[in-house]
Amino acid sequence: MDVIGFDIYQRDSPNEKYAGDLDKMLSTLDEIAKEKNKIPALTEFGGNLNDSNWWTGTFLNVVAKHRVSWVLGWRNAGRKPDGQFEYYVPYTGHISEKDFVRFYQDKKTLFQKDVMKGKLYQ
């Protein structure tokens, strides 16, 4: 299978800028994937997890408008040598945990359990 994708991290940009950049990149990806007959994917991402509604208020609002086959939140690396934590998906008790559950429950998302139940790979 041929896949085409890109990585995009929010870093320090405001949610609105990230959403605009993500939308532009996914629109470009849509066009290239269609032209080249490839499967489009958001191969790595990371966002503003200090926003309690980031998953549904920023990320899902953009991704749901595009034909992307999968999105991959980068790994939660834990404590870095400088003492800061590196994480890209919320953990139990995190400020965005409840919104991530709403993201998970949204009818536009599929997670591994959904894929296995739907037998999409058989």
C-alpha atoms as a PDB file:
ATOM      1  CA  MET A   1       0.000   0.000   0.000  1.00  0.00           C
ATOM      2  CA  ASP A   2       1.236   3.454  -0.811  1.00  0.00           C
ATOM      3  CA  VAL A   3       0.656   6.117   1.805  1.00  0.00           C
ATOM      4  CA  ILE A   4       1.461   9.805   1.698  1.00  0.00           C
ATOM      5  CA  GLY A   5       1.485  11.887   4.842  1.00  0.00           C
ATOM      6  CA  PHE A   6       3.106  14.580   6.908  1.00  0.00           C
ATOM      7  CA  ASP A   7       3.851  15.495  10.505  1.00  0.00           C
ATOM      8  CA  ILE A   8       2.661  18.725  12.136  1.00  0.00           C
ATOM      9  CA  TYR A   9       3.214  19.872  15.704  1.00  0.00           C
ATOM     10  CA  GLN A  10       1.588  22.875  17.291  1.00  0.00           C
ATOM     11  CA  ARG A  11       4.602  23.891  19.393  1.00  0.00           C
ATOM     12  CA  ASP A  12       3.925  27.401  20.732  1.00  0.00           C
ATOM     13  CA  SER A  13       1.451  28.694  18.152  1.00  0.00           C
ATOM     14  CA  PRO A  14      -2.107  29.660  19.155  1.00  0.00           C
ATOM     15  CA  ASN A  15      -4.890  27.148  18.448  1.00  0.00           C
ATOM     16  CA  GLU A  16      -6.304  29.276  15.613  1.00  0.00           C
ATOM     17  CA  LYS A  17      -2.959  29.401  13.796  1.00  0.00           C
ATOM     18  CA  TYR A  18      -2.378  25.674  14.249  1.00  0.00           C
ATOM     19  CA  ALA A  19      -5.901  24.902  13.023  1.00  0.00           C
ATOM     20  CA  GLY A  20      -5.329  27.076   9.942  1.00  0.00           C
ATOM     21  CA  ASP A  21      -1.943  25.488   9.226  1.00  0.00           C
ATOM     22  CA  LEU A  22      -3.343  21.989   9.737  1.00  0.00           C
ATOM     23  CA  ASP A  23      -6.295  22.724   7.451  1.00  0.00           C
ATOM     24  CA  LYS A  24      -4.005  24.046   4.684  1.00  0.00           C
ATOM     25  CA  MET A  25      -1.667  21.071   4.976  1.00  0.00           C
ATOM     26  CA  LEU A  26      -4.526  18.560   4.941  1.00  0.00           C
ATOM     27  CA  SER A  27      -6.077  20.293   1.917  1.00  0.00           C
ATOM     28  CA  THR A  28      -2.758  20.002   0.099  1.00  0.00           C
ATOM     29  CA  LEU A  29      -2.472  16.388   1.201  1.00  0.00           C
ATOM     30  CA  ASP A  30      -5.998  15.680  -0.084  1.00  0.00           C
ATOM     31  CA  GLU A  31      -5.039  17.011  -3.518  1.00  0.00           C
ATOM     32  CA  ILE A  32      -1.704  15.204  -3.750  1.00  0.00           C
ATOM     33  CA  ALA A  33      -3.158  11.902  -2.527  1.00  0.00           C
ATOM     34  CA  LYS A  34      -5.959  12.067  -5.067  1.00  0.00           C
ATOM     35  CA  GLU A  35      -3.611  13.017  -7.907  1.00  0.00           C
ATOM     36  CA  LYS A  36      -1.056  10.308  -7.042  1.00  0.00           C
ATOM     37  CA  ASN A  37      -3.632   7.670  -6.017  1.00  0.00           C
ATOM     38  CA  LYS A  38      -2.206   7.409  -2.486  1.00  0.00           C
ATOM     39  CA  ILE A  39      -3.745   6.949   0.943  1.00  0.00           C
ATOM     40  CA  PRO A  40      -3.509  10.207   2.936  1.00  0.00           C
ATOM     41  CA  ALA A  41      -2.397  10.140   6.581  1.00  0.00           C
ATOM     42  CA  LEU A  42      -1.473  12.554   9.321  1.00  0.00           C
ATOM     43  CA  THR A  43       1.594  10.567  10.306  1.00  0.00           C
ATOM     44  CA  GLU A  44       2.492  12.483  13.494  1.00  0.00           C
ATOM     45  CA  PHE A  45       0.922  15.343  15.393  1.00  0.00           C
ATOM     46  CA  GLY A  46       1.036  17.047  18.736  1.00  0.00           C
ATOM     47  CA  GLY A  47      -1.037  19.909  20.036  1.00  0.00           C
ATOM     48  CA  ASN A  48      -1.913  22.262  22.856  1.00  0.00           C
ATOM     49  CA  LEU A  49      -2.887  19.849  25.596  1.00  0.00           C
ATOM     50  CA  ASN A  50      -3.136  22.729  28.064  1.00  0.00           C
ATOM     51  CA  ASP A  51      -6.481  23.537  26.417  1.00  0.00           C
ATOM     52  CA  SER A  52      -9.161  21.401  28.036  1.00  0.00           C
ATOM     53  CA  ASN A  53     -11.186  21.307  24.767  1.00  0.00           C
ATOM     54  CA  TRP A  54      -8.365  20.994  22.243  1.00  0.00           C
ATOM     55  CA  TRP A  55      -9.303  17.525  20.941  1.00  0.00           C
ATOM     56  CA  THR A  56     -12.825  18.410  19.845  1.00  0.00           C
ATOM     57  CA  GLY A  57     -12.596  22.205  19.726  1.00  0.00           C
ATOM     58  CA  THR A  58      -9.442  22.507  17.615  1.00  0.00           C
ATOM     59  CA  PHE A  59      -8.183  19.194  16.253  1.00  0.00           C
ATOM     60  CA  LEU A  60     -11.354  17.291  15.342  1.00  0.00           C
ATOM     61  CA  ASN A  61     -12.956  20.398  13.830  1.00  0.00           C
ATOM     62  CA  VAL A  62     -10.200  20.454  11.214  1.00  0.00           C
ATOM     63  CA  VAL A  63      -9.459  16.768  10.676  1.00  0.00           C
ATOM     64  CA  ALA A  64     -13.135  15.858  10.205  1.00  0.00           C
ATOM     65  CA  LYS A  65     -13.291  18.043   7.071  1.00  0.00           C
ATOM     66  CA  HIS A  66     -10.661  15.965   5.271  1.00  0.00           C
ATOM     67  CA  ARG A  67     -10.270  12.464   3.884  1.00  0.00           C
ATOM     68  CA  VAL A  68      -7.413  11.329   6.064  1.00  0.00           C
ATOM     69  CA  SER A  69      -7.039   7.598   6.680  1.00  0.00           C
ATOM     70  CA  TRP A  70      -5.380   7.884  10.086  1.00  0.00           C
ATOM     71  CA  VAL A  71      -3.852  10.295  12.546  1.00  0.00           C
ATOM     72  CA  LEU A  72      -1.079   9.405  14.955  1.00  0.00           C
ATOM     73  CA  GLY A  73      -0.512  11.378  18.119  1.00  0.00           C
ATOM     74  CA  TRP A  74       3.172  11.140  18.916  1.00  0.00           C
ATOM     75  CA  ARG A  75       4.381   9.171  21.911  1.00  0.00           C
ATOM     76  CA  ASN A  76       4.279  10.220  25.520  1.00  0.00           C
ATOM     77  CA  ALA A  77       8.001  10.188  26.260  1.00  0.00           C
ATOM     78  CA  GLY A  78       7.674  11.083  29.928  1.00  0.00           C
ATOM     79  CA  ARG A  79      10.233  13.114  31.836  1.00  0.00           C
ATOM     80  CA  LYS A  80      13.010  14.622  29.733  1.00  0.00           C
ATOM     81  CA  PRO A  81      16.546  15.249  31.056  1.00  0.00           C
ATOM     82  CA  ASP A  82      15.643  18.909  31.742  1.00  0.00           C
ATOM     83  CA  GLY A  83      12.828  17.773  34.083  1.00  0.00           C
ATOM     84  CA  GLN A  84       9.982  18.743  31.750  1.00  0.00           C
ATOM     85  CA  PHE A  85       7.429  16.188  30.580  1.00  0.00           C
ATOM     86  CA  GLU A  86       6.932  15.389  26.900  1.00  0.00           C
ATOM     87  CA  TYR A  87       3.490  14.063  26.054  1.00  0.00           C
ATOM     88  CA  TYR A  88       1.116  14.296  23.101  1.00  0.00           C
ATOM     89  CA  VAL A  89      -1.923  12.337  24.259  1.00  0.00           C
ATOM     90  CA  PRO A  90      -3.538  13.042  27.635  1.00  0.00           C
ATOM     91  CA  TYR A  91      -3.066  10.731  30.576  1.00  0.00           C
ATOM     92  CA  THR A  92      -5.478   9.977  33.440  1.00  0.00           C
ATOM     93  CA  GLY A  93      -6.180  13.151  35.366  1.00  0.00           C
ATOM     94  CA  HIS A  94      -4.870  15.484  32.629  1.00  0.00           C
ATOM     95  CA  ILE A  95      -6.799  18.700  31.881  1.00  0.00           C
ATOM     96  CA  SER A  96      -7.769  17.458  28.391  1.00  0.00           C
ATOM     97  CA  GLU A  97      -8.601  13.878  29.413  1.00  0.00           C
ATOM     98  CA  LYS A  98     -12.404  14.375  29.314  1.00  0.00           C
ATOM     99  CA  ASP A  99     -12.259  16.065  25.930  1.00  0.00           C
ATOM    100  CA  PHE A 100     -10.114  13.229  24.593  1.00  0.00           C
ATOM    101  CA  VAL A 101     -12.879  10.831  25.685  1.00  0.00           C
ATOM    102  CA  ARG A 102     -15.372  12.974  23.727  1.00  0.00           C
ATOM    103  CA  PHE A 103     -12.976  12.803  20.738  1.00  0.00           C
ATOM    104  CA  TYR A 104     -12.818   9.025  21.150  1.00  0.00           C
ATOM    105  CA  GLN A 105     -16.617   8.758  21.304  1.00  0.00           C
ATOM    106  CA  ASP A 106     -17.248  10.988  18.274  1.00  0.00           C
ATOM    107  CA  LYS A 107     -18.839   9.116  15.356  1.00  0.00           C
ATOM    108  CA  LYS A 108     -16.137  10.488  13.011  1.00  0.00           C
ATOM    109  CA  THR A 109     -13.298   8.712  14.837  1.00  0.00           C
ATOM    110  CA  LEU A 110     -12.272   5.071  14.788  1.00  0.00           C
ATOM    111  CA  PHE A 111      -9.838   3.553  17.249  1.00  0.00           C
ATOM    112  CA  GLN A 112      -8.221   0.109  17.230  1.00  0.00           C
ATOM    113  CA  LYS A 113     -11.169  -1.478  19.038  1.00  0.00           C
ATOM    114  CA  ASP A 114     -13.555  -0.119  16.388  1.00  0.00           C
ATOM    115  CA  VAL A 115     -11.335  -1.323  13.564  1.00  0.00           C
ATOM    116  CA  MET A 116     -11.102  -4.818  15.012  1.00  0.00           C
ATOM    117  CA  LYS A 117     -14.867  -5.009  15.620  1.00  0.00           C
ATOM    118  CA  GLY A 118     -15.531  -3.823  12.079  1.00  0.00           C
ATOM    119  CA  LYS A 119     -13.009  -6.311  10.631  1.00  0.00           C
ATOM    120  CA  LEU A 120     -11.653  -3.609   8.354  1.00  0.00           C
ATOM    121  CA  TYR A 121      -8.463  -5.533   7.591  1.00  0.00           C
ATOM    122  CA  GLN A 122     -10.045  -8.822   6.588  1.00  0.00           C
END
